[in-house]
Amino acid sequence: MGRILAIDYGSKRSGIATTDPLGIIATPLDALLTHHIFDFLTQYFEKEEVEKVVVGWPKQRDGSDTNNTPLVRAFLNRFKKLFPEMPLALQDEWNTSNLAMTALIESGVKKKGRRDKLAIDQVSAVLILQSYMESKT
């Protein structure tokens, strides 16, 4: 059984989370500048067995597109061309950034640490992955 990888894709930064090899626990993996994401994924897929990639799907609360929706569509198109055999799933990411900030506050991260947008992106990716995993149980 392989890992499930989740991506919170953003215009500048992207957060990445993964499960353990048994697919039970979601943990943050990395956060990086978005223009490095395909290099990162290529290297990660070479060293780890990944059974599926879950991408956060940006929608407004009313279901309409956000400013980021066209960027995620373009990412998905390129992803499918580079990794045609990799199964993809979309997971609603509405409000994950706010929930990530709340999680950081509740875990005791100081204000200075909460300004680190990469940390928020990582936690958002974990929330996307957890949400996906819960929807499959």
Protein backbone atom coordinates (compact mmCIF):
# COMPACT_ATOMS: atom_id res chain seq x y z
CA MET A 1 0.00 0.00 0.00
CA GLY A 2 1.35 3.41 -0.90
CA ARG A 3 1.09 6.83 0.60
CA ILE A 4 -1.53 9.41 -0.24
CA LEU A 5 -0.06 12.82 -0.98
CA ALA A 6 -2.06 16.04 -0.61
CA ILE A 7 -1.26 19.37 -2.22
CA ASP A 8 -2.53 22.79 -1.21
CA TYR A 9 -1.60 24.51 -4.47
CA GLY A 10 -1.10 28.25 -4.41
CA SER A 11 0.07 30.90 -6.82
CA LYS A 12 3.26 31.55 -4.81
CA ARG A 13 3.58 28.71 -2.31
CA SER A 14 2.26 25.18 -2.05
CA GLY A 15 1.88 22.98 1.00
CA ILE A 16 2.33 19.23 0.83
CA ALA A 17 1.18 16.58 3.27
CA THR A 18 1.38 12.81 3.19
CA THR A 19 0.13 9.75 4.97
CA ASP A 20 2.27 7.12 6.57
CA PRO A 21 2.91 4.06 4.35
CA LEU A 22 -0.25 2.39 5.71
CA GLY A 23 -2.39 5.40 4.84
CA ILE A 24 -3.59 6.02 8.39
CA ILE A 25 -1.97 9.24 9.66
CA ALA A 26 -1.73 12.56 7.80
CA THR A 27 1.38 14.63 8.49
CA PRO A 28 2.94 17.74 6.97
CA LEU A 29 5.67 16.94 4.48
CA ASP A 30 6.89 20.21 3.00
CA ALA A 31 5.99 23.66 1.82
CA LEU A 32 7.77 25.20 -1.11
CA LEU A 33 7.65 27.90 -3.70
CA THR A 34 5.14 26.75 -6.28
CA HIS A 35 7.52 27.00 -9.23
CA HIS A 36 9.50 24.11 -7.64
CA ILE A 37 6.54 21.77 -7.21
CA PHE A 38 7.04 19.54 -10.25
CA ASP A 39 10.73 19.01 -9.45
CA PHE A 40 9.75 18.11 -5.89
CA LEU A 41 7.03 15.70 -7.04
CA THR A 42 9.30 14.00 -9.56
CA GLN A 43 11.92 13.35 -6.89
CA TYR A 44 9.35 12.27 -4.31
CA PHE A 45 7.62 9.81 -6.66
CA GLU A 46 11.02 8.26 -7.47
CA LYS A 47 11.75 7.44 -3.82
CA GLU A 48 8.30 6.83 -2.31
CA GLU A 49 5.39 4.65 -3.33
CA VAL A 50 2.41 6.97 -3.77
CA GLU A 51 -0.97 5.47 -4.56
CA LYS A 52 -2.88 8.73 -5.05
CA VAL A 53 -2.51 12.50 -5.05
CA VAL A 54 -5.24 14.66 -3.55
CA VAL A 55 -5.35 18.29 -4.64
CA GLY A 56 -7.24 20.97 -2.77
CA TRP A 57 -10.02 22.30 -4.98
CA PRO A 58 -10.61 26.03 -4.40
CA LYS A 59 -14.25 27.07 -4.38
CA GLN A 60 -16.16 29.84 -2.66
CA ARG A 61 -18.67 28.88 -0.02
CA ASP A 62 -21.44 29.19 -2.65
CA GLY A 63 -19.56 26.82 -4.98
CA SER A 64 -18.31 29.45 -7.41
CA ASP A 65 -14.69 29.64 -8.53
CA THR A 66 -12.06 31.58 -6.60
CA ASN A 67 -9.16 33.52 -8.10
CA ASN A 68 -7.04 30.41 -7.59
CA THR A 69 -9.35 27.93 -9.36
CA PRO A 70 -7.92 28.59 -12.87
CA LEU A 71 -4.38 28.15 -11.49
CA VAL A 72 -5.29 24.80 -9.95
CA ARG A 73 -6.89 23.71 -13.25
CA ALA A 74 -3.66 24.57 -15.09
CA PHE A 75 -1.64 22.69 -12.44
CA LEU A 76 -3.88 19.63 -12.82
CA ASN A 77 -3.50 19.66 -16.61
CA ARG A 78 0.29 19.77 -16.36
CA PHE A 79 0.29 17.16 -13.59
CA LYS A 80 -1.73 14.75 -15.77
CA LYS A 81 0.73 15.21 -18.64
CA LEU A 82 3.81 14.64 -16.45
CA PHE A 83 2.36 11.83 -14.32
CA PRO A 84 -0.36 10.19 -16.45
CA GLU A 85 -0.44 6.99 -14.38
CA MET A 86 -0.88 8.73 -11.01
CA PRO A 87 -4.46 8.70 -9.73
CA LEU A 88 -5.77 12.14 -8.77
CA ALA A 89 -8.58 13.22 -6.49
CA LEU A 90 -9.95 16.66 -5.71
CA GLN A 91 -10.93 17.72 -2.22
CA ASP A 92 -12.82 20.85 -1.26
CA GLU A 93 -10.38 23.23 0.41
CA TRP A 94 -12.85 25.90 1.44
CA ASN A 95 -11.65 27.68 4.61
CA THR A 96 -8.57 25.51 5.14
CA SER A 97 -6.25 28.51 5.52
CA ASN A 98 -8.40 29.89 8.34
CA LEU A 99 -8.63 26.47 9.96
CA ALA A 100 -4.85 26.08 9.63
CA MET A 101 -4.28 29.40 11.41
CA THR A 102 -6.65 28.32 14.18
CA ALA A 103 -4.80 25.00 14.51
CA LEU A 104 -1.46 26.80 14.80
CA ILE A 105 -2.86 29.12 17.50
CA GLU A 106 -4.35 26.21 19.42
CA SER A 107 -1.10 24.27 19.24
CA GLY A 108 0.72 27.15 20.91
CA VAL A 109 2.67 28.53 17.96
CA LYS A 110 3.74 32.08 18.77
CA LYS A 111 2.62 35.02 16.65
CA LYS A 112 6.02 35.20 14.91
CA GLY A 113 5.72 31.54 13.85
CA ARG A 114 2.18 32.07 12.59
CA ARG A 115 3.44 34.70 10.15
CA ASP A 116 5.32 31.93 8.34
CA LYS A 117 3.02 31.38 5.39
CA LEU A 118 4.81 28.13 4.52
CA ALA A 119 3.70 26.68 7.88
CA ILE A 120 0.10 27.66 7.14
CA ASP A 121 0.35 26.03 3.69
CA GLN A 122 1.66 22.79 5.24
CA VAL A 123 -1.13 22.66 7.81
CA SER A 124 -3.68 23.44 5.08
CA ALA A 125 -2.38 20.46 3.11
CA VAL A 126 -2.78 18.25 6.19
CA LEU A 127 -6.36 19.47 6.62
CA ILE A 128 -7.12 18.71 2.97
CA LEU A 129 -5.66 15.22 3.38
CA GLN A 130 -7.50 14.54 6.64
CA SER A 131 -10.75 15.70 5.09
CA TYR A 132 -10.20 13.41 2.11
CA MET A 133 -9.36 10.44 4.33
CA GLU A 134 -12.44 11.02 6.52
CA SER A 135 -14.67 11.18 3.45
CA LYS A 136 -13.44 7.71 2.42
CA THR A 137 -14.19 5.95 5.71
